[in-house]
Amino acid sequence: MSSPPQQSHERYERIFAEVEAPFAFVDLDAMWANAAALLERAGDKPIRVATKSLRCRALIEEVLGRDARFTGLMTYTLPETLWLAEHGHQDLLLAYPTADSAALRELALRSAADPGRAPLVMVDCARHLEAIEAVLGADAPPVRVCIDIDASWWALGGRLKIGPKRSPVHTVEQAVALAREIERRPQIELDALMAYEGQIAGVPDRPPGRRLRGAAIRFMQRRSAAELAERRGAIVAAISEFCELEVVNGGGTGSLETTGAEAAVTEVTAGSGFYAPTLFDHYGSFSLTPAAGFALPIVRKPAPEIATALGGGYLASGAGDKARLPSPWLPEGLKLDPEEGAGEVQTPLLGAPAADLQVGDRVYMRHAKAGELCERFEVLHLIEGDRIVDVVPTYRGEGKTFL
């Protein structure tokens, strides 16, 4: 596998000389290097592509066509799922439950037209099943569902829960009870299980300058991975005694090795790893190449050693800490002002390179997360080598803002 070209301020300035900032871009050389690394880490398991991390239909289709092991999509809202189905995508797994009655009615129509290829929707309680049944006619074929299993690690005898607060279904008994409840409902068909171990897949284990915290995270992740592998295997075995599961999905960019090694898992998921945002810079077991970024113009020099960019306050979702801020990337050595951070309409930049930046120059930034950047821009400029090879719309550019 060849290395992508060196990423430098000078290179990007040559490539984007005729493009007016602000703009967003994806370096395809870097993205395909990341894609190859994801496949290697996943072992022999296929990878389902998380659409919320890409939010660009053209790139989603490019990824699916890149390698046969990139198979199927994991979506994040039911309207998005149905929109992708309209554009020809068939292997669709909705990662989050829905209470959207109008979308559920549309799903019921799609299920009736092509039951075997209709999207899978997520459930974790009887209320979700009732919401589905409420939109189905008496003779409607079954809607296919996936049970979301809580993948968090319950430490200290269950007194401390570490992981995403998602499903209430944690134990083998709870999973079997919900599966039995689905079996009793003729218009709902259980075809899949999912468990997302966010405390492993989405938590960097080498936080800079925090050695003791890193050691604690690695201890937690080892214990959590071992516990989940045993529990997930037991849940799959118990449900498989009375129900044939088409899909057992798990993992994320940060846990491909551990999840992919589980015999009970049929596929893993990745999304953020294609773009490699800053939240994935500090893992000890793998490294990625930054592939997505955005450029801002310098519009002010409030002092000789400060350069102020237009816009830039593209904060990532999650806990309210500085890890959610975008990061100055190129030229190297820039940093955010700790008093102002990244602002709605302006972002002051400090550091040695700021003294050399003048009004009209450009800086390149990276987002803390992956697909959320696409909610700020209508198009992505795609580059390979030293040229722009395409300009493609994001979801927003196609008039779609699903969340």
Protein backbone atom coordinates (compact mmCIF):
# COMPACT_ATOMS: atom_id res chain seq x y z
CA MET A 1 0.00 0.00 0.00
CA SER A 2 1.57 3.30 -1.08
CA SER A 3 1.63 6.24 1.30
CA PRO A 4 -0.52 9.28 0.48
CA PRO A 5 1.28 12.46 -0.64
CA GLN A 6 2.68 14.70 2.07
CA GLN A 7 0.06 16.98 3.54
CA SER A 8 1.38 20.53 3.72
CA HIS A 9 0.09 24.07 3.60
CA GLU A 10 2.05 24.66 0.39
CA ARG A 11 0.57 21.61 -1.35
CA TYR A 12 -3.00 22.51 -0.48
CA GLU A 13 -2.45 26.13 -1.47
CA ARG A 14 -1.30 25.00 -4.92
CA ILE A 15 -4.28 22.68 -5.32
CA PHE A 16 -6.89 25.17 -4.11
CA ALA A 17 -5.39 28.32 -5.64
CA GLU A 18 -8.59 29.06 -7.57
CA VAL A 19 -11.08 28.07 -4.83
CA GLU A 20 -12.56 30.77 -2.64
CA ALA A 21 -12.48 30.05 1.11
CA PRO A 22 -14.27 28.99 3.25
CA PHE A 23 -14.55 25.52 1.71
CA ALA A 24 -14.36 21.87 2.77
CA PHE A 25 -12.41 19.10 1.11
CA VAL A 26 -11.53 15.41 1.25
CA ASP A 27 -8.06 14.16 0.36
CA LEU A 28 -8.88 10.89 -1.42
CA ASP A 29 -5.30 9.61 -1.24
CA ALA A 30 -5.55 9.78 2.55
CA MET A 31 -9.09 8.42 2.65
CA TRP A 32 -8.23 5.34 0.61
CA ALA A 33 -5.17 4.71 2.79
CA ASN A 34 -7.49 4.82 5.80
CA ALA A 35 -9.98 2.51 4.08
CA ALA A 36 -7.25 -0.07 3.48
CA ALA A 37 -6.18 0.18 7.13
CA LEU A 38 -9.78 -0.36 8.28
CA LEU A 39 -10.10 -3.51 6.19
CA GLU A 40 -6.83 -4.88 7.55
CA ARG A 41 -7.86 -4.25 11.14
CA ALA A 42 -11.28 -5.86 10.66
CA GLY A 43 -9.73 -9.26 9.89
CA ASP A 44 -12.10 -11.33 7.77
CA LYS A 45 -15.27 -9.45 8.77
CA PRO A 46 -17.14 -7.23 6.31
CA ILE A 47 -17.47 -3.56 7.23
CA ARG A 48 -20.82 -1.79 7.25
CA VAL A 49 -20.33 1.91 6.44
CA ALA A 50 -21.73 4.44 8.92
CA THR A 51 -23.41 7.17 6.89
CA LYS A 52 -23.50 9.74 9.70
CA SER A 53 -19.71 9.88 9.50
CA LEU A 54 -19.64 10.58 5.74
CA ARG A 55 -22.86 12.52 4.98
CA CYS A 56 -22.02 12.67 1.30
CA ARG A 57 -23.85 10.30 -1.03
CA ALA A 58 -21.16 10.38 -3.71
CA LEU A 59 -18.46 9.33 -1.25
CA ILE A 60 -20.68 6.68 0.32
CA GLU A 61 -21.10 5.13 -3.11
CA GLU A 62 -17.36 5.42 -3.81
CA VAL A 63 -16.57 3.56 -0.59
CA LEU A 64 -19.07 0.78 -1.32
CA GLY A 65 -17.55 0.34 -4.77
CA ARG A 66 -13.98 0.35 -3.49
CA ASP A 67 -13.90 -3.17 -2.03
CA ALA A 68 -16.44 -5.98 -1.78
CA ARG A 69 -15.93 -6.11 1.99
CA PHE A 70 -17.46 -2.65 2.36
CA THR A 71 -21.03 -3.90 2.34
CA GLY A 72 -24.20 -2.25 3.50
CA LEU A 73 -24.92 1.03 5.26
CA MET A 74 -25.62 1.93 8.86
CA THR A 75 -27.92 4.96 8.82
CA TYR A 76 -28.92 7.39 11.56
CA THR A 77 -32.52 8.50 10.92
CA LEU A 78 -35.41 6.75 9.21
CA PRO A 79 -36.01 9.61 6.69
CA GLU A 80 -32.33 9.37 5.70
CA THR A 81 -32.67 5.60 5.39
CA LEU A 82 -35.68 5.89 3.11
CA TRP A 83 -33.96 8.59 1.03
CA LEU A 84 -30.96 6.33 0.48
CA ALA A 85 -33.31 3.49 -0.45
CA GLU A 86 -34.88 5.74 -3.07
CA HIS A 87 -31.41 6.15 -4.55
CA GLY A 88 -30.95 2.41 -4.92
CA HIS A 89 -29.29 1.34 -1.67
CA GLN A 90 -30.68 -1.93 -0.34
CA ASP A 91 -28.66 -3.25 2.62
CA LEU A 92 -29.70 -0.61 5.17
CA LEU A 93 -29.57 -0.89 8.96
CA LEU A 94 -30.97 2.03 10.96
CA ALA A 95 -28.76 2.39 14.05
CA TYR A 96 -31.23 4.32 16.25
CA PRO A 97 -34.90 3.79 17.14
CA THR A 98 -37.47 6.08 15.59
CA ALA A 99 -40.73 7.66 16.71
CA ASP A 100 -41.43 9.21 13.28
CA SER A 101 -44.91 7.96 12.37
CA ALA A 102 -44.87 9.37 8.84
CA ALA A 103 -41.55 7.71 8.08
CA LEU A 104 -42.75 4.45 9.62
CA ARG A 105 -45.78 4.51 7.32
CA GLU A 106 -43.46 4.97 4.35
CA LEU A 107 -41.31 2.12 5.63
CA ALA A 108 -44.38 -0.10 5.83
CA LEU A 109 -45.14 0.62 2.15
CA ARG A 110 -41.55 -0.18 1.17
CA SER A 111 -41.65 -3.39 3.21
CA ALA A 112 -44.83 -4.42 1.44
CA ALA A 113 -43.30 -3.76 -1.98
CA ASP A 114 -40.06 -5.68 -1.34
CA PRO A 115 -40.05 -7.42 2.08
CA GLY A 116 -36.63 -9.05 1.77
CA ARG A 117 -34.81 -5.82 0.91
CA ALA A 118 -36.59 -3.38 3.19
CA PRO A 119 -34.42 -1.54 5.72
CA LEU A 120 -33.86 -2.96 9.19
CA VAL A 121 -35.04 -0.64 11.97
CA MET A 122 -33.70 -0.54 15.52
CA VAL A 123 -35.75 -1.47 18.58
CA ASP A 124 -34.97 -1.93 22.26
CA CYS A 125 -38.39 -2.06 23.95
CA ALA A 126 -42.03 -2.99 23.43
CA ARG A 127 -42.99 0.65 22.79
CA HIS A 128 -40.91 0.61 19.62
CA LEU A 129 -42.76 -2.50 18.47
CA GLU A 130 -46.12 -0.88 19.18
CA ALA A 131 -45.14 2.21 17.17
CA ILE A 132 -44.37 0.00 14.18
CA GLU A 133 -47.60 -1.99 14.50
CA ALA A 134 -49.63 1.20 14.73
CA VAL A 135 -48.87 2.12 11.12
CA LEU A 136 -49.35 -1.32 9.58
CA GLY A 137 -52.49 -2.50 7.91
CA ALA A 138 -54.05 -5.83 8.83
CA ASP A 139 -52.53 -7.65 5.86
CA ALA A 140 -49.16 -5.88 5.79
CA PRO A 141 -46.05 -8.07 5.58
CA PRO A 142 -43.63 -8.00 8.52
CA VAL A 143 -41.28 -5.10 9.14
CA ARG A 144 -37.70 -6.26 9.78
CA VAL A 145 -36.09 -5.16 13.05
CA CYS A 146 -32.77 -5.26 14.88
CA ILE A 147 -32.41 -5.40 18.68
CA ASP A 148 -29.95 -2.91 20.13
CA ILE A 149 -27.99 -4.54 22.96
CA ASP A 150 -26.41 -2.35 25.63
CA ALA A 151 -22.64 -2.81 25.18
CA SER A 152 -21.53 -0.75 28.15
CA TRP A 153 -19.32 -2.12 30.90
CA TRP A 154 -20.93 -2.33 34.30
CA ALA A 155 -18.12 -2.01 36.84
CA LEU A 156 -18.21 -2.24 40.64
CA GLY A 157 -20.96 -4.81 40.62
CA GLY A 158 -23.14 -2.76 38.31
CA ARG A 159 -22.88 0.47 40.32
CA LEU A 160 -20.79 2.19 37.63
CA LYS A 161 -21.84 2.11 33.98
CA ILE A 162 -19.17 3.00 31.43
CA GLY A 163 -20.30 3.41 27.85
CA PRO A 164 -23.03 5.02 25.71
CA LYS A 165 -26.44 5.30 27.33
CA ARG A 166 -28.36 3.55 24.60
CA SER A 167 -30.41 0.41 25.07
CA PRO A 168 -32.02 -0.89 28.30
CA VAL A 169 -31.35 -4.43 27.06
CA HIS A 170 -28.16 -5.62 28.78
CA THR A 171 -28.45 -9.20 29.99
CA VAL A 172 -29.05 -12.44 28.14
CA GLU A 173 -32.44 -12.74 29.85
CA GLN A 174 -33.51 -9.24 28.77
CA ALA A 175 -32.44 -9.87 25.19
CA VAL A 176 -34.28 -13.19 25.01
CA ALA A 177 -37.41 -11.63 26.53
CA LEU A 178 -37.50 -8.90 23.87
CA ALA A 179 -36.78 -11.41 21.11
CA ARG A 180 -39.66 -13.58 22.36
CA GLU A 181 -41.90 -10.50 22.40
CA ILE A 182 -41.04 -9.84 18.77
CA GLU A 183 -41.70 -13.49 17.88
CA ARG A 184 -45.23 -13.11 19.29
CA ARG A 185 -45.99 -10.25 16.91
CA PRO A 186 -46.61 -11.61 13.39
CA GLN A 187 -46.05 -8.25 11.68
CA ILE A 188 -42.55 -7.79 13.08
CA GLU A 189 -39.60 -9.97 12.12
CA LEU A 190 -36.38 -10.15 14.12
CA ASP A 191 -33.43 -10.40 11.74
CA ALA A 192 -30.50 -8.75 13.53
CA LEU A 193 -28.69 -7.80 16.72
CA MET A 194 -26.42 -4.83 17.24
CA ALA A 195 -24.16 -3.72 20.10
CA TYR A 196 -22.00 -0.61 19.89
CA GLU A 197 -19.12 -0.54 22.36
CA GLY A 198 -18.55 3.21 22.31
CA GLN A 199 -16.33 3.09 25.40
CA ILE A 200 -13.81 1.17 23.26
CA ALA A 201 -14.56 2.32 19.72
CA GLY A 202 -14.85 6.03 20.50
CA VAL A 203 -12.52 6.75 23.43
CA PRO A 204 -8.82 7.40 22.65
CA ASP A 205 -6.55 5.36 24.89
CA ARG A 206 -3.50 7.67 24.64
CA PRO A 207 -4.78 11.11 25.69
CA PRO A 208 -1.88 13.56 25.36
CA GLY A 209 -0.36 14.66 28.66
CA ARG A 210 -2.61 12.35 30.71
CA ARG A 211 -0.59 9.19 31.23
CA LEU A 212 -2.53 7.89 34.24
CA ARG A 213 -5.88 8.50 32.57
CA GLY A 214 -4.63 6.64 29.50
CA ALA A 215 -3.62 3.65 31.62
CA ALA A 216 -7.07 3.64 33.26
CA ILE A 217 -8.78 3.79 29.86
CA ARG A 218 -6.74 0.89 28.52
CA PHE A 219 -7.55 -1.19 31.61
CA MET A 220 -11.25 -0.42 31.22
CA GLN A 221 -11.20 -1.25 27.51
CA ARG A 222 -9.50 -4.61 28.01
CA ARG A 223 -11.96 -5.62 30.71
CA SER A 224 -14.93 -4.30 28.75
CA ALA A 225 -13.95 -6.09 25.53
CA ALA A 226 -13.58 -9.41 27.33
CA GLU A 227 -16.89 -9.06 29.18
CA LEU A 228 -18.79 -7.99 26.06
CA ALA A 229 -17.39 -10.79 23.90
CA GLU A 230 -18.66 -13.35 26.41
CA ARG A 231 -22.03 -11.67 26.91
CA ARG A 232 -22.64 -10.97 23.22
CA GLY A 233 -21.79 -14.56 22.35
CA ALA A 234 -24.22 -15.84 24.99
CA ILE A 235 -27.01 -13.55 23.74
CA VAL A 236 -26.52 -14.64 20.12
CA ALA A 237 -26.47 -18.32 21.12
CA ALA A 238 -29.64 -18.00 23.22
CA ILE A 239 -31.66 -16.16 20.57
CA SER A 240 -30.39 -18.38 17.76
CA GLU A 241 -32.09 -21.34 19.42
CA PHE A 242 -35.47 -20.04 18.23
CA CYS A 243 -34.68 -17.29 15.70
CA GLU A 244 -32.36 -17.14 12.70
CA LEU A 245 -30.26 -13.97 12.86
CA GLU A 246 -29.14 -12.56 9.53
CA VAL A 247 -26.87 -9.90 11.03
CA VAL A 248 -24.90 -9.53 14.27
CA ASN A 249 -23.29 -6.11 14.10
CA GLY A 250 -20.75 -4.53 16.39
CA GLY A 251 -17.80 -2.26 16.73
CA GLY A 252 -16.64 1.05 15.37
CA THR A 253 -13.45 2.59 14.05
CA GLY A 254 -11.67 2.28 17.39
CA SER A 255 -12.57 -1.35 18.12
CA LEU A 256 -12.31 -3.18 14.80
CA GLU A 257 -9.65 -5.63 16.00
CA THR A 258 -11.43 -6.74 19.17
CA THR A 259 -14.95 -6.83 17.77
CA GLY A 260 -13.89 -8.42 14.49
CA ALA A 261 -12.27 -11.26 16.40
CA GLU A 262 -15.56 -12.33 18.03
CA ALA A 263 -17.02 -15.46 16.47
CA ALA A 264 -20.59 -14.34 17.20
CA VAL A 265 -20.19 -11.12 15.21
CA THR A 266 -20.97 -11.31 11.49
CA GLU A 267 -19.93 -7.74 10.59
CA VAL A 268 -18.36 -4.61 12.03
CA THR A 269 -19.08 -0.94 11.42
CA ALA A 270 -16.77 1.95 10.57
CA GLY A 271 -17.35 5.51 9.45
CA SER A 272 -15.17 8.12 11.15
CA GLY A 273 -12.04 6.22 10.17
CA PHE A 274 -12.44 7.24 6.52
CA TYR A 275 -12.14 10.97 7.29
CA ALA A 276 -9.92 10.57 10.40
CA PRO A 277 -11.05 13.56 12.49
CA THR A 278 -9.00 14.76 15.45
CA LEU A 279 -10.82 12.57 18.00
CA PHE A 280 -9.01 9.60 16.41
CA ASP A 281 -5.51 11.07 16.72
CA HIS A 282 -4.65 9.46 20.04
CA TYR A 283 -5.13 5.69 19.82
CA GLY A 284 -2.22 3.43 20.63
CA SER A 285 -3.19 0.46 18.46
CA PHE A 286 -3.61 2.25 15.12
CA SER A 287 -3.01 5.53 13.33
CA LEU A 288 -4.94 7.20 10.54
CA THR A 289 -4.15 9.92 8.01
CA PRO A 290 -6.20 13.14 8.17
CA ALA A 291 -8.45 13.05 5.13
CA ALA A 292 -11.08 15.76 5.64
CA GLY A 293 -10.53 19.41 6.36
CA PHE A 294 -11.76 22.91 5.77
CA ALA A 295 -10.09 26.16 4.78
CA LEU A 296 -10.74 29.58 6.28
CA PRO A 297 -9.58 32.96 4.99
CA ILE A 298 -7.59 35.33 7.17
CA VAL A 299 -9.58 38.58 7.33
CA ARG A 300 -7.98 40.48 10.24
CA LYS A 301 -4.65 41.22 11.91
CA PRO A 302 -5.65 42.59 15.33
CA ALA A 303 -1.99 42.44 16.34
CA PRO A 304 1.21 41.53 14.48
CA GLU A 305 1.35 38.11 16.16
CA ILE A 306 -2.36 37.26 15.71
CA ALA A 307 -4.23 36.23 12.54
CA THR A 308 -8.04 36.16 12.64
CA ALA A 309 -9.95 33.84 10.31
CA LEU A 310 -13.53 34.23 9.12
CA GLY A 311 -15.90 31.73 10.77
CA GLY A 312 -14.60 28.44 12.12
CA GLY A 313 -16.88 27.76 15.08
CA TYR A 314 -17.80 24.30 13.88
CA LEU A 315 -18.06 22.52 17.21
CA ALA A 316 -18.55 18.79 17.45
CA SER A 317 -21.32 17.15 19.45
CA GLY A 318 -20.59 15.48 22.76
CA ALA A 319 -19.44 16.54 26.20
CA GLY A 320 -18.69 20.24 26.52
CA ASP A 321 -14.90 20.17 26.56
CA LYS A 322 -12.11 21.50 24.37
CA ALA A 323 -11.79 18.16 22.57
CA ARG A 324 -14.94 19.15 20.64
CA LEU A 325 -13.29 22.23 19.13
CA PRO A 326 -11.92 22.20 15.59
CA SER A 327 -8.12 22.25 15.43
CA PRO A 328 -5.80 24.49 13.40
CA TRP A 329 -3.88 22.16 11.12
CA LEU A 330 -1.84 23.93 8.45
CA PRO A 331 0.43 25.78 8.55
CA GLU A 332 1.74 23.78 11.49
CA GLY A 333 2.14 25.52 14.80
CA LEU A 334 -1.09 27.51 14.88
CA LYS A 335 -3.35 27.27 17.92
CA LEU A 336 -6.68 28.62 19.07
CA ASP A 337 -6.93 31.56 21.45
CA PRO A 338 -7.93 30.00 24.81
CA GLU A 339 -10.18 32.99 25.56
CA GLU A 340 -12.14 32.92 22.29
CA GLY A 341 -11.74 29.41 20.89
CA ALA A 342 -13.41 28.88 17.51
CA GLY A 343 -16.02 31.55 16.91
CA GLU A 344 -19.30 31.80 15.07
CA VAL A 345 -18.00 34.54 12.76
CA GLN A 346 -14.30 34.76 13.55
CA THR A 347 -11.49 32.63 14.98
CA PRO A 348 -8.30 34.29 16.24
CA LEU A 349 -5.22 32.14 15.68
CA LEU A 350 -2.02 32.30 17.69
CA GLY A 351 1.39 30.67 17.39
CA ALA A 352 4.53 31.50 15.43
CA PRO A 353 2.99 31.07 11.93
CA ALA A 354 0.29 33.63 12.77
CA ALA A 355 2.85 36.42 12.51
CA ASP A 356 3.49 35.51 8.86
CA LEU A 357 -0.16 35.23 7.87
CA GLN A 358 -1.70 38.28 6.20
CA VAL A 359 -5.22 39.30 5.21
CA GLY A 360 -6.23 37.16 2.24
CA ASP A 361 -4.11 34.16 3.24
CA ARG A 362 -5.74 30.86 4.19
CA VAL A 363 -5.44 28.35 6.99
CA TYR A 364 -6.55 24.72 7.03
CA MET A 365 -8.48 23.24 9.94
CA ARG A 366 -9.69 19.81 11.02
CA HIS A 367 -13.00 18.99 12.65
CA ALA A 368 -13.12 17.02 15.90
CA LYS A 369 -15.63 14.54 14.46
CA ALA A 370 -16.31 13.23 10.98
CA GLY A 371 -19.60 13.79 9.19
CA GLU A 372 -20.73 16.80 11.20
CA LEU A 373 -18.44 18.99 9.10
CA CYS A 374 -20.73 18.31 6.14
CA GLU A 375 -23.59 20.10 7.90
CA ARG A 376 -21.60 23.33 7.40
CA PHE A 377 -20.78 23.02 3.70
CA GLU A 378 -22.83 22.30 0.59
CA VAL A 379 -20.01 20.67 -1.36
CA LEU A 380 -16.77 18.76 -0.79
CA HIS A 381 -13.79 19.34 -3.06
CA LEU A 382 -12.19 15.95 -3.74
CA ILE A 383 -8.48 15.89 -4.43
CA GLU A 384 -6.03 13.24 -5.61
CA GLY A 385 -2.34 13.89 -6.01
CA ASP A 386 -2.01 17.57 -6.83
CA ARG A 387 -5.37 18.31 -8.38
CA ILE A 388 -9.07 18.61 -7.69
CA VAL A 389 -10.77 15.63 -9.31
CA ASP A 390 -14.40 16.37 -8.41
CA VAL A 391 -16.74 18.62 -6.45
CA VAL A 392 -19.63 16.68 -4.91
CA PRO A 393 -22.62 17.71 -2.80
CA THR A 394 -22.92 16.86 0.87
CA TYR A 395 -26.28 15.87 2.32
CA ARG A 396 -26.82 19.58 2.95
CA GLY A 397 -25.92 20.31 -0.66
CA GLU A 398 -28.67 17.95 -1.75
CA GLY A 399 -31.12 19.81 0.47
CA LYS A 400 -31.11 17.20 3.23
CA THR A 401 -30.53 17.95 6.90
CA PHE A 402 -31.70 14.87 8.76
CA LEU A 403 -30.53 15.92 12.23
